């Protein structure tokens, strides 16, 4: 499993965690709280995916540079 996969898995795990917490909050506080948690989960997932992509690109570039030498 590559680093990019690990970041992607972690981002998905955090998004799922946020959704579960959002569902718990929905029971006690209503839709607004759920919407906020869902929005945060989406942003966290997006950030994790972006970071994974950057890490993957960097690893690819490092390998290319290594072979170019």
N, C-alpha and C. Protein backbone atom coordinates (compact mmCIF):
# COMPACT_ATOMS: atom_id res chain seq x y z
N UNK A 1 0.86 -1.18 0.00
CA UNK A 1 0.00 0.00 0.00
C UNK A 1 0.90 1.23 0.00
N UNK A 2 0.62 2.14 -0.90
CA UNK A 2 1.42 3.35 -1.02
C UNK A 2 0.99 4.42 -0.03
N UNK A 3 1.81 5.43 0.05
CA UNK A 3 1.53 6.54 0.96
C UNK A 3 0.23 7.23 0.56
N UNK A 4 0.04 7.41 -0.74
CA UNK A 4 -1.18 8.07 -1.21
C UNK A 4 -2.42 7.29 -0.78
N UNK A 5 -2.34 5.96 -0.84
CA UNK A 5 -3.46 5.12 -0.41
C UNK A 5 -3.73 5.29 1.08
N UNK A 6 -2.65 5.39 1.85
CA UNK A 6 -2.81 5.56 3.29
C UNK A 6 -3.51 6.88 3.61
N UNK A 7 -3.11 7.94 2.93
CA UNK A 7 -3.75 9.24 3.16
C UNK A 7 -5.21 9.19 2.74
N UNK A 8 -5.48 8.55 1.64
CA UNK A 8 -6.86 8.46 1.15
C UNK A 8 -7.71 7.67 2.14
N UNK A 9 -7.17 6.55 2.64
CA UNK A 9 -7.90 5.75 3.62
C UNK A 9 -8.17 6.54 4.89
N UNK A 10 -7.17 7.29 5.35
CA UNK A 10 -7.34 8.09 6.56
C UNK A 10 -8.39 9.18 6.35
N UNK A 11 -8.38 9.81 5.20
CA UNK A 11 -9.36 10.85 4.89
C UNK A 11 -10.77 10.26 4.89
N UNK A 12 -10.91 9.08 4.31
CA UNK A 12 -12.23 8.44 4.28
C UNK A 12 -12.67 8.05 5.69
N UNK A 13 -11.72 7.56 6.48
CA UNK A 13 -12.03 7.19 7.87
C UNK A 13 -12.51 8.41 8.66
N UNK A 14 -11.82 9.52 8.49
CA UNK A 14 -12.21 10.74 9.20
C UNK A 14 -13.58 11.24 8.73
N UNK A 15 -13.83 11.12 7.44
CA UNK A 15 -15.13 11.54 6.91
C UNK A 15 -16.25 10.68 7.49
N UNK A 16 -16.01 9.38 7.57
CA UNK A 16 -17.02 8.49 8.14
C UNK A 16 -17.25 8.79 9.62
N UNK A 17 -16.16 9.07 10.33
CA UNK A 17 -16.26 9.43 11.75
C UNK A 17 -17.11 10.69 11.91
N UNK A 18 -16.85 11.67 11.09
CA UNK A 18 -17.59 12.92 11.16
C UNK A 18 -19.06 12.69 10.86
N UNK A 19 -19.34 11.83 9.89
CA UNK A 19 -20.74 11.55 9.56
C UNK A 19 -21.44 10.85 10.73
N UNK A 20 -20.74 9.93 11.40
CA UNK A 20 -21.34 9.26 12.56
C UNK A 20 -21.64 10.28 13.65
N UNK A 21 -20.67 11.16 13.90
CA UNK A 21 -20.88 12.19 14.92
C UNK A 21 -22.01 13.13 14.52
N UNK A 22 -22.10 13.39 13.22
CA UNK A 22 -23.18 14.24 12.72
C UNK A 22 -24.53 13.59 13.00
N UNK A 23 -24.61 12.29 12.80
CA UNK A 23 -25.85 11.57 13.07
C UNK A 23 -26.19 11.61 14.56
N UNK A 24 -25.18 11.51 15.41
CA UNK A 24 -25.40 11.61 16.84
C UNK A 24 -25.90 13.01 17.20
N UNK A 25 -25.29 14.02 16.58
CA UNK A 25 -25.69 15.40 16.83
C UNK A 25 -27.09 15.69 16.31
N UNK A 26 -27.46 15.01 15.26
CA UNK A 26 -28.78 15.20 14.68
C UNK A 26 -29.87 14.82 15.68
N UNK A 27 -29.60 13.75 16.42
CA UNK A 27 -30.57 13.31 17.42
C UNK A 27 -30.78 14.37 18.49
N UNK A 28 -29.71 15.08 18.86
CA UNK A 28 -29.84 16.02 19.97
C UNK A 28 -30.02 17.47 19.57
N UNK A 29 -29.56 17.84 18.37
CA UNK A 29 -29.55 19.26 18.04
C UNK A 29 -30.24 19.63 16.74
N UNK A 30 -30.57 18.70 15.91
CA UNK A 30 -31.28 19.02 14.69
C UNK A 30 -30.42 19.10 13.45
N UNK A 31 -31.02 19.61 12.39
CA UNK A 31 -30.40 19.58 11.08
C UNK A 31 -29.19 20.50 10.92
N UNK A 32 -29.21 21.66 11.55
CA UNK A 32 -28.11 22.61 11.37
C UNK A 32 -26.78 22.01 11.81
N UNK A 33 -26.78 21.37 12.93
CA UNK A 33 -25.57 20.76 13.44
C UNK A 33 -25.10 19.63 12.51
N UNK A 34 -26.03 18.87 11.99
CA UNK A 34 -25.71 17.79 11.06
C UNK A 34 -25.09 18.34 9.79
N UNK A 35 -25.67 19.40 9.28
CA UNK A 35 -25.15 20.02 8.06
C UNK A 35 -23.72 20.50 8.28
N UNK A 36 -23.45 21.15 9.41
CA UNK A 36 -22.11 21.64 9.70
C UNK A 36 -21.10 20.49 9.78
N UNK A 37 -21.48 19.43 10.46
CA UNK A 37 -20.58 18.28 10.60
C UNK A 37 -20.34 17.62 9.25
N UNK A 38 -21.38 17.51 8.46
CA UNK A 38 -21.24 16.91 7.14
C UNK A 38 -20.33 17.76 6.26
N UNK A 39 -20.48 19.06 6.36
CA UNK A 39 -19.65 19.98 5.59
C UNK A 39 -18.18 19.85 6.01
N UNK A 40 -17.94 19.76 7.31
CA UNK A 40 -16.57 19.59 7.81
C UNK A 40 -15.99 18.26 7.34
N UNK A 41 -16.80 17.22 7.35
CA UNK A 41 -16.34 15.90 6.90
C UNK A 41 -15.95 15.95 5.43
N UNK A 42 -16.74 16.65 4.66
CA UNK A 42 -16.45 16.77 3.24
C UNK A 42 -15.14 17.52 3.02
N UNK A 43 -14.95 18.61 3.75
CA UNK A 43 -13.71 19.39 3.62
C UNK A 43 -12.51 18.56 4.07
N UNK A 44 -12.66 17.82 5.17
CA UNK A 44 -11.57 16.98 5.67
C UNK A 44 -11.20 15.93 4.65
N UNK A 45 -12.21 15.31 4.06
CA UNK A 45 -11.98 14.29 3.05
C UNK A 45 -11.27 14.90 1.84
N UNK A 46 -11.73 16.06 1.42
CA UNK A 46 -11.13 16.76 0.27
C UNK A 46 -9.68 17.10 0.57
N UNK A 47 -9.41 17.60 1.77
CA UNK A 47 -8.04 17.97 2.13
C UNK A 47 -7.15 16.74 2.16
N UNK A 48 -7.67 15.65 2.68
CA UNK A 48 -6.89 14.42 2.73
C UNK A 48 -6.58 13.90 1.33
N UNK A 49 -7.55 13.99 0.45
CA UNK A 49 -7.34 13.55 -0.93
C UNK A 49 -6.31 14.44 -1.63
N UNK A 50 -6.41 15.75 -1.39
CA UNK A 50 -5.45 16.67 -1.99
C UNK A 50 -4.03 16.38 -1.50
N UNK A 51 -3.92 16.13 -0.21
CA UNK A 51 -2.61 15.84 0.36
C UNK A 51 -2.06 14.53 -0.20
N UNK A 52 -2.92 13.54 -0.35
CA UNK A 52 -2.50 12.26 -0.91
C UNK A 52 -2.04 12.44 -2.35
N UNK A 53 -2.75 13.26 -3.11
CA UNK A 53 -2.36 13.51 -4.49
C UNK A 53 -1.00 14.21 -4.55
N UNK A 54 -0.81 15.20 -3.68
CA UNK A 54 0.47 15.91 -3.65
C UNK A 54 1.60 14.95 -3.30
N UNK A 55 1.37 14.10 -2.32
CA UNK A 55 2.38 13.15 -1.90
C UNK A 55 2.70 12.18 -3.04
N UNK A 56 1.67 11.73 -3.72
CA UNK A 56 1.87 10.84 -4.86
C UNK A 56 2.65 11.50 -5.97
N UNK A 57 2.32 12.74 -6.27
CA UNK A 57 3.04 13.48 -7.31
C UNK A 57 4.51 13.65 -6.93
N UNK A 58 4.74 14.00 -5.66
CA UNK A 58 6.10 14.20 -5.19
C UNK A 58 6.90 12.90 -5.30
N UNK A 59 6.29 11.79 -4.90
CA UNK A 59 6.97 10.49 -4.99
C UNK A 59 7.27 10.16 -6.45
N UNK A 60 6.31 10.41 -7.33
CA UNK A 60 6.51 10.17 -8.76
C UNK A 60 7.66 11.01 -9.29
N UNK A 61 7.68 12.29 -8.93
CA UNK A 61 8.74 13.18 -9.39
C UNK A 61 10.09 12.75 -8.86
N UNK A 62 10.13 12.31 -7.62
CA UNK A 62 11.38 11.83 -7.02
C UNK A 62 11.92 10.62 -7.78
N UNK A 63 11.03 9.71 -8.11
CA UNK A 63 11.45 8.52 -8.85
C UNK A 63 11.93 8.91 -10.24
N UNK A 64 11.22 9.79 -10.90
CA UNK A 64 11.65 10.24 -12.24
C UNK A 64 13.01 10.90 -12.17
N UNK A 65 13.21 11.75 -11.16
CA UNK A 65 14.50 12.44 -11.03
C UNK A 65 15.62 11.42 -10.76
N UNK A 66 15.31 10.41 -10.02
CA UNK A 66 16.30 9.38 -9.71
C UNK A 66 16.73 8.66 -10.99
N UNK A 67 15.78 8.35 -11.87
CA UNK A 67 16.11 7.66 -13.10
C UNK A 67 16.76 8.58 -14.13
N UNK A 68 16.53 9.87 -14.03
CA UNK A 68 17.12 10.82 -14.97
C UNK A 68 18.60 11.04 -14.70
N UNK A 69 19.06 10.70 -13.53
CA UNK A 69 20.47 10.94 -13.17
C UNK A 69 21.38 9.97 -13.83
